[in-house]
Amino acid sequence: MAKRVYIIHGWAGRPDEAWFPWIRKQLEEKDFEVFAPAMPDPDYPKIEVWVQFLENLIDSPDKNTYFVGHSSGSQAIMRYLEKLPEDIKVGGCVFVAGWFKLKNLTTEEDWDIAKPWMERIINFEKVKRHAHSLVAVFSENDPYVDLENKTLFEENLGAKTILDGHKGHFDKDDGIIELPVVLRELLKMIK
């Protein structure tokens, strides 16, 4: 069965920007089936809407199903995983700039959007139970994601964590158009 990779962008993101087209191309050249959907209403992401979207998108998740999430996309993946039936386990996830807490949001509206994502509890035991491997990649100078999140991924999910230099929030504003660490970690999982 073909290995499937779902690339889930974050808040205000798009699947055709930053490093997403690059990683998609790299994976397709290695014969992976790659899905990089445009998430609904990305400027105003809502947990229920994004998780429901993933539930509708992903047909029969199994050990050949992998995820790459950026920022809020990482949260959406975790919240999707915690709702899977007991006997389902996916191959793994690479979370990029994933977070449980944010900093430096500039408007009250931004805080209102982020608040449910930060306050609604994630069942970490269920997330761990539904994935063979979890890796979280962080930047030393991310303006929104404090490195406290790195510790939280380690403690709450037992995730392998990687600091990948000074790449900001790994987005188009930081000029990140390739992200080899994500490809490398994903290929390690898939072997």
C-alpha atoms as a PDB file:
ATOM      1  CA  MET A   1       0.000   0.000   0.000  1.00  0.00           C
ATOM      2  CA  ALA A   2       1.237   3.485  -0.851  1.00  0.00           C
ATOM      3  CA  LYS A   3       2.486   5.701   1.928  1.00  0.00           C
ATOM      4  CA  ARG A   4       0.319   8.799   2.321  1.00  0.00           C
ATOM      5  CA  VAL A   5       1.502  12.116   3.701  1.00  0.00           C
ATOM      6  CA  TYR A   6      -0.856  14.905   4.721  1.00  0.00           C
ATOM      7  CA  ILE A   7       0.736  18.359   4.922  1.00  0.00           C
ATOM      8  CA  ILE A   8      -1.406  20.642   7.066  1.00  0.00           C
ATOM      9  CA  HIS A   9      -0.623  24.359   7.005  1.00  0.00           C
ATOM     10  CA  GLY A  10      -1.290  26.712   9.895  1.00  0.00           C
ATOM     11  CA  TRP A  11      -3.247  29.824  10.755  1.00  0.00           C
ATOM     12  CA  ALA A  12      -3.284  32.293   7.829  1.00  0.00           C
ATOM     13  CA  GLY A  13      -1.237  29.785   5.828  1.00  0.00           C
ATOM     14  CA  ARG A  14      -1.694  28.252   2.400  1.00  0.00           C
ATOM     15  CA  PRO A  15      -0.475  24.984   0.902  1.00  0.00           C
ATOM     16  CA  ASP A  16       1.285  26.752  -1.978  1.00  0.00           C
ATOM     17  CA  GLU A  17       3.628  28.939   0.085  1.00  0.00           C
ATOM     18  CA  ALA A  18       6.813  28.694   2.175  1.00  0.00           C
ATOM     19  CA  TRP A  19       8.359  25.200   2.231  1.00  0.00           C
ATOM     20  CA  PHE A  20       5.159  23.239   1.520  1.00  0.00           C
ATOM     21  CA  PRO A  21       5.578  23.027  -2.293  1.00  0.00           C
ATOM     22  CA  TRP A  22       9.208  21.930  -1.837  1.00  0.00           C
ATOM     23  CA  ILE A  23       8.428  19.090   0.575  1.00  0.00           C
ATOM     24  CA  ARG A  24       5.471  17.997  -1.506  1.00  0.00           C
ATOM     25  CA  LYS A  25       7.693  17.730  -4.590  1.00  0.00           C
ATOM     26  CA  GLN A  26      10.404  15.848  -2.661  1.00  0.00           C
ATOM     27  CA  LEU A  27       7.874  13.306  -1.381  1.00  0.00           C
ATOM     28  CA  GLU A  28       6.092  12.878  -4.718  1.00  0.00           C
ATOM     29  CA  GLU A  29       9.453  12.180  -6.375  1.00  0.00           C
ATOM     30  CA  LYS A  30       9.830   9.320  -3.878  1.00  0.00           C
ATOM     31  CA  ASP A  31       6.389   7.963  -4.894  1.00  0.00           C
ATOM     32  CA  PHE A  32       4.458   9.053  -1.833  1.00  0.00           C
ATOM     33  CA  GLU A  33       0.838  10.030  -2.184  1.00  0.00           C
ATOM     34  CA  VAL A  34       0.802  13.614  -0.891  1.00  0.00           C
ATOM     35  CA  PHE A  35      -2.172  15.688   0.192  1.00  0.00           C
ATOM     36  CA  ALA A  36      -1.717  19.377   0.973  1.00  0.00           C
ATOM     37  CA  PRO A  37      -5.213  20.786   1.395  1.00  0.00           C
ATOM     38  CA  ALA A  38      -6.185  24.402   1.847  1.00  0.00           C
ATOM     39  CA  MET A  39      -7.634  24.399   5.343  1.00  0.00           C
ATOM     40  CA  PRO A  40     -11.021  26.103   5.753  1.00  0.00           C
ATOM     41  CA  ASP A  41     -11.106  29.785   6.682  1.00  0.00           C
ATOM     42  CA  PRO A  42      -7.385  29.888   7.556  1.00  0.00           C
ATOM     43  CA  ASP A  43      -7.467  33.470   8.832  1.00  0.00           C
ATOM     44  CA  TYR A  44      -9.982  32.435  11.521  1.00  0.00           C
ATOM     45  CA  PRO A  45      -9.191  28.789  12.297  1.00  0.00           C
ATOM     46  CA  LYS A  46     -11.655  26.966  14.542  1.00  0.00           C
ATOM     47  CA  ILE A  47     -10.851  23.656  16.211  1.00  0.00           C
ATOM     48  CA  GLU A  48     -14.124  21.914  15.336  1.00  0.00           C
ATOM     49  CA  VAL A  49     -14.045  23.045  11.709  1.00  0.00           C
ATOM     50  CA  TRP A  50     -10.429  22.027  11.132  1.00  0.00           C
ATOM     51  CA  VAL A  51     -10.739  18.649  12.867  1.00  0.00           C
ATOM     52  CA  GLN A  52     -13.967  17.853  11.002  1.00  0.00           C
ATOM     53  CA  PHE A  53     -12.244  18.829   7.749  1.00  0.00           C
ATOM     54  CA  LEU A  54      -9.430  16.343   8.485  1.00  0.00           C
ATOM     55  CA  GLU A  55     -11.929  13.628   9.412  1.00  0.00           C
ATOM     56  CA  ASN A  56     -13.674  14.119   6.056  1.00  0.00           C
ATOM     57  CA  LEU A  57     -10.404  14.318   4.120  1.00  0.00           C
ATOM     58  CA  ILE A  58      -8.553  11.302   5.497  1.00  0.00           C
ATOM     59  CA  ASP A  59      -9.873   7.960   4.348  1.00  0.00           C
ATOM     60  CA  SER A  60      -8.926   4.914   6.440  1.00  0.00           C
ATOM     61  CA  PRO A  61      -5.934   6.216   8.422  1.00  0.00           C
ATOM     62  CA  ASP A  62      -3.393   3.495   9.157  1.00  0.00           C
ATOM     63  CA  LYS A  63       0.321   2.802   9.686  1.00  0.00           C
ATOM     64  CA  ASN A  64       0.991   4.058   6.133  1.00  0.00           C
ATOM     65  CA  THR A  65      -0.509   7.472   6.946  1.00  0.00           C
ATOM     66  CA  TYR A  66       1.857  10.276   7.977  1.00  0.00           C
ATOM     67  CA  PHE A  67       1.373  13.924   8.850  1.00  0.00           C
ATOM     68  CA  VAL A  68       3.399  17.105   8.612  1.00  0.00           C
ATOM     69  CA  GLY A  69       1.866  20.031  10.453  1.00  0.00           C
ATOM     70  CA  HIS A  70       2.908  23.651  10.692  1.00  0.00           C
ATOM     71  CA  SER A  71       1.907  25.805  13.676  1.00  0.00           C
ATOM     72  CA  SER A  72      -1.894  25.505  14.148  1.00  0.00           C
ATOM     73  CA  GLY A  73      -1.822  22.661  11.650  1.00  0.00           C
ATOM     74  CA  SER A  74       0.121  20.677  14.261  1.00  0.00           C
ATOM     75  CA  GLN A  75      -2.635  21.289  16.787  1.00  0.00           C
ATOM     76  CA  ALA A  76      -5.313  20.266  14.283  1.00  0.00           C
ATOM     77  CA  ILE A  77      -3.466  16.988  13.671  1.00  0.00           C
ATOM     78  CA  MET A  78      -3.153  16.244  17.394  1.00  0.00           C
ATOM     79  CA  ARG A  79      -6.834  16.981  17.935  1.00  0.00           C
ATOM     80  CA  TYR A  80      -7.697  14.743  14.971  1.00  0.00           C
ATOM     81  CA  LEU A  81      -5.553  11.910  16.352  1.00  0.00           C
ATOM     82  CA  GLU A  82      -7.115  12.026  19.806  1.00  0.00           C
ATOM     83  CA  LYS A  83     -10.535  11.348  18.237  1.00  0.00           C
ATOM     84  CA  LEU A  84      -9.498   8.265  16.250  1.00  0.00           C
ATOM     85  CA  PRO A  85     -11.018   4.888  17.134  1.00  0.00           C
ATOM     86  CA  GLU A  86      -9.050   2.902  19.702  1.00  0.00           C
ATOM     87  CA  ASP A  87      -7.519   0.426  17.217  1.00  0.00           C
ATOM     88  CA  ILE A  88      -6.193   2.992  14.690  1.00  0.00           C
ATOM     89  CA  LYS A  89      -2.522   3.953  14.670  1.00  0.00           C
ATOM     90  CA  VAL A  90      -0.870   6.191  12.066  1.00  0.00           C
ATOM     91  CA  GLY A  91       2.771   5.987  11.040  1.00  0.00           C
ATOM     92  CA  GLY A  92       3.837   9.283  12.537  1.00  0.00           C
ATOM     93  CA  CYS A  93       3.841  13.058  12.598  1.00  0.00           C
ATOM     94  CA  VAL A  94       6.376  15.823  12.168  1.00  0.00           C
ATOM     95  CA  PHE A  95       5.217  19.020  13.833  1.00  0.00           C
ATOM     96  CA  VAL A  96       6.909  22.270  12.754  1.00  0.00           C
ATOM     97  CA  ALA A  97       6.577  25.279  15.074  1.00  0.00           C
ATOM     98  CA  GLY A  98       3.871  23.390  16.908  1.00  0.00           C
ATOM     99  CA  TRP A  99       2.574  25.042  20.034  1.00  0.00           C
ATOM    100  CA  PHE A 100       0.442  24.803  23.119  1.00  0.00           C
ATOM    101  CA  LYS A 101       1.186  28.410  24.117  1.00  0.00           C
ATOM    102  CA  LEU A 102       1.773  31.471  21.931  1.00  0.00           C
ATOM    103  CA  LYS A 103       3.431  34.830  22.496  1.00  0.00           C
ATOM    104  CA  ASN A 104       3.584  38.218  20.758  1.00  0.00           C
ATOM    105  CA  LEU A 105       0.157  38.159  19.145  1.00  0.00           C
ATOM    106  CA  THR A 106      -0.502  41.758  18.172  1.00  0.00           C
ATOM    107  CA  THR A 107      -4.273  42.191  18.319  1.00  0.00           C
ATOM    108  CA  GLU A 108      -7.086  41.258  20.645  1.00  0.00           C
ATOM    109  CA  GLU A 109      -8.712  39.479  17.710  1.00  0.00           C
ATOM    110  CA  ASP A 110      -5.603  37.280  17.329  1.00  0.00           C
ATOM    111  CA  TRP A 111      -5.742  36.380  21.022  1.00  0.00           C
ATOM    112  CA  ASP A 112      -9.459  35.565  20.660  1.00  0.00           C
ATOM    113  CA  ILE A 113      -8.692  33.240  17.744  1.00  0.00           C
ATOM    114  CA  ALA A 114      -5.803  31.540  19.578  1.00  0.00           C
ATOM    115  CA  LYS A 115      -7.490  31.245  22.974  1.00  0.00           C
ATOM    116  CA  PRO A 116      -9.561  28.075  22.336  1.00  0.00           C
ATOM    117  CA  TRP A 117      -6.516  26.374  20.796  1.00  0.00           C
ATOM    118  CA  MET A 118      -4.477  27.187  23.911  1.00  0.00           C
ATOM    119  CA  GLU A 119      -7.153  26.473  26.505  1.00  0.00           C
ATOM    120  CA  ARG A 120      -8.958  23.393  25.235  1.00  0.00           C
ATOM    121  CA  ILE A 121      -7.194  20.351  26.676  1.00  0.00           C
ATOM    122  CA  ILE A 122      -5.599  17.809  24.341  1.00  0.00           C
ATOM    123  CA  ASN A 123      -5.613  14.186  25.499  1.00  0.00           C
ATOM    124  CA  PHE A 124      -1.889  13.521  25.100  1.00  0.00           C
ATOM    125  CA  GLU A 125      -2.184   9.832  25.991  1.00  0.00           C
ATOM    126  CA  LYS A 126      -4.599   9.315  23.108  1.00  0.00           C
ATOM    127  CA  VAL A 127      -2.382  11.255  20.702  1.00  0.00           C
ATOM    128  CA  LYS A 128       0.613   9.080  21.676  1.00  0.00           C
ATOM    129  CA  ARG A 129      -1.452   5.896  21.406  1.00  0.00           C
ATOM    130  CA  HIS A 130      -2.534   6.753  17.849  1.00  0.00           C
ATOM    131  CA  ALA A 131       0.922   7.499  16.354  1.00  0.00           C
ATOM    132  CA  HIS A 132       4.032   5.337  16.064  1.00  0.00           C
ATOM    133  CA  SER A 133       6.421   8.325  15.952  1.00  0.00           C
ATOM    134  CA  LEU A 134       6.221  11.991  16.920  1.00  0.00           C
ATOM    135  CA  VAL A 135       8.841  14.612  16.074  1.00  0.00           C
ATOM    136  CA  ALA A 136       8.622  18.340  16.791  1.00  0.00           C
ATOM    137  CA  VAL A 137      10.879  20.914  15.102  1.00  0.00           C
ATOM    138  CA  PHE A 138      11.466  24.377  16.553  1.00  0.00           C
ATOM    139  CA  SER A 139      13.384  27.530  15.683  1.00  0.00           C
ATOM    140  CA  GLU A 140      15.534  29.370  18.208  1.00  0.00           C
ATOM    141  CA  ASN A 141      14.054  32.735  17.187  1.00  0.00           C
ATOM    142  CA  ASP A 142      10.384  31.986  16.554  1.00  0.00           C
ATOM    143  CA  PRO A 143       8.514  35.217  17.368  1.00  0.00           C
ATOM    144  CA  TYR A 144       5.325  33.348  18.342  1.00  0.00           C
ATOM    145  CA  VAL A 145       6.388  29.951  19.671  1.00  0.00           C
ATOM    146  CA  ASP A 146       8.456  30.083  22.835  1.00  0.00           C
ATOM    147  CA  LEU A 147      10.876  27.218  23.409  1.00  0.00           C
ATOM    148  CA  GLU A 148       8.832  26.251  26.458  1.00  0.00           C
ATOM    149  CA  ASN A 149       6.713  24.474  23.828  1.00  0.00           C
ATOM    150  CA  LYS A 150       9.693  22.239  23.012  1.00  0.00           C
ATOM    151  CA  THR A 151       9.713  21.027  26.614  1.00  0.00           C
ATOM    152  CA  LEU A 152       5.934  20.538  26.536  1.00  0.00           C
ATOM    153  CA  PHE A 153       6.178  18.350  23.420  1.00  0.00           C
ATOM    154  CA  GLU A 154       8.868  16.269  25.129  1.00  0.00           C
ATOM    155  CA  GLU A 155       7.026  15.946  28.443  1.00  0.00           C
ATOM    156  CA  ASN A 156       3.448  15.591  27.198  1.00  0.00           C
ATOM    157  CA  LEU A 157       3.959  13.542  24.044  1.00  0.00           C
ATOM    158  CA  GLY A 158       7.386  11.969  24.469  1.00  0.00           C
ATOM    159  CA  ALA A 159       8.202  13.559  21.109  1.00  0.00           C
ATOM    160  CA  LYS A 160      11.691  13.742  19.703  1.00  0.00           C
ATOM    161  CA  THR A 161      12.437  17.469  19.472  1.00  0.00           C
ATOM    162  CA  ILE A 162      14.842  19.296  17.187  1.00  0.00           C
ATOM    163  CA  LEU A 163      16.076  22.892  17.260  1.00  0.00           C
ATOM    164  CA  ASP A 164      16.657  23.916  13.648  1.00  0.00           C
ATOM    165  CA  GLY A 165      18.616  27.142  13.971  1.00  0.00           C
ATOM    166  CA  HIS A 166      17.204  30.620  13.480  1.00  0.00           C
ATOM    167  CA  LYS A 167      14.316  30.172  11.065  1.00  0.00           C
ATOM    168  CA  GLY A 168      11.684  32.344  12.718  1.00  0.00           C
ATOM    169  CA  HIS A 169       8.232  30.787  12.432  1.00  0.00           C
ATOM    170  CA  PHE A 170       9.272  28.694   9.387  1.00  0.00           C
ATOM    171  CA  ASP A 171       6.929  30.656   7.154  1.00  0.00           C
ATOM    172  CA  LYS A 172       6.947  32.732   3.987  1.00  0.00           C
ATOM    173  CA  ASP A 173       7.768  35.895   5.940  1.00  0.00           C
ATOM    174  CA  ASP A 174      10.990  34.214   7.074  1.00  0.00           C
ATOM    175  CA  GLY A 175      11.868  33.198   3.514  1.00  0.00           C
ATOM    176  CA  ILE A 176      11.862  29.480   4.341  1.00  0.00           C
ATOM    177  CA  ILE A 177      11.279  27.679   1.037  1.00  0.00           C
ATOM    178  CA  GLU A 178      13.015  24.389   1.877  1.00  0.00           C
ATOM    179  CA  LEU A 179      13.053  22.491   5.162  1.00  0.00           C
ATOM    180  CA  PRO A 180      15.363  19.465   4.865  1.00  0.00           C
ATOM    181  CA  VAL A 181      15.027  18.525   8.548  1.00  0.00           C
ATOM    182  CA  VAL A 182      11.346  17.710   8.026  1.00  0.00           C
ATOM    183  CA  LEU A 183      12.033  15.527   5.000  1.00  0.00           C
ATOM    184  CA  ARG A 184      14.864  13.754   6.827  1.00  0.00           C
ATOM    185  CA  GLU A 185      12.778  13.012   9.926  1.00  0.00           C
ATOM    186  CA  LEU A 186       9.787  11.882   7.895  1.00  0.00           C
ATOM    187  CA  LEU A 187      11.906   9.507   5.817  1.00  0.00           C
ATOM    188  CA  LYS A 188      13.440   8.071   9.009  1.00  0.00           C
ATOM    189  CA  MET A 189       9.935   7.309  10.298  1.00  0.00           C
ATOM    190  CA  ILE A 190       8.876   5.694   7.063  1.00  0.00           C
ATOM    191  CA  LYS A 191      11.850   3.302   6.759  1.00  0.00           C
END
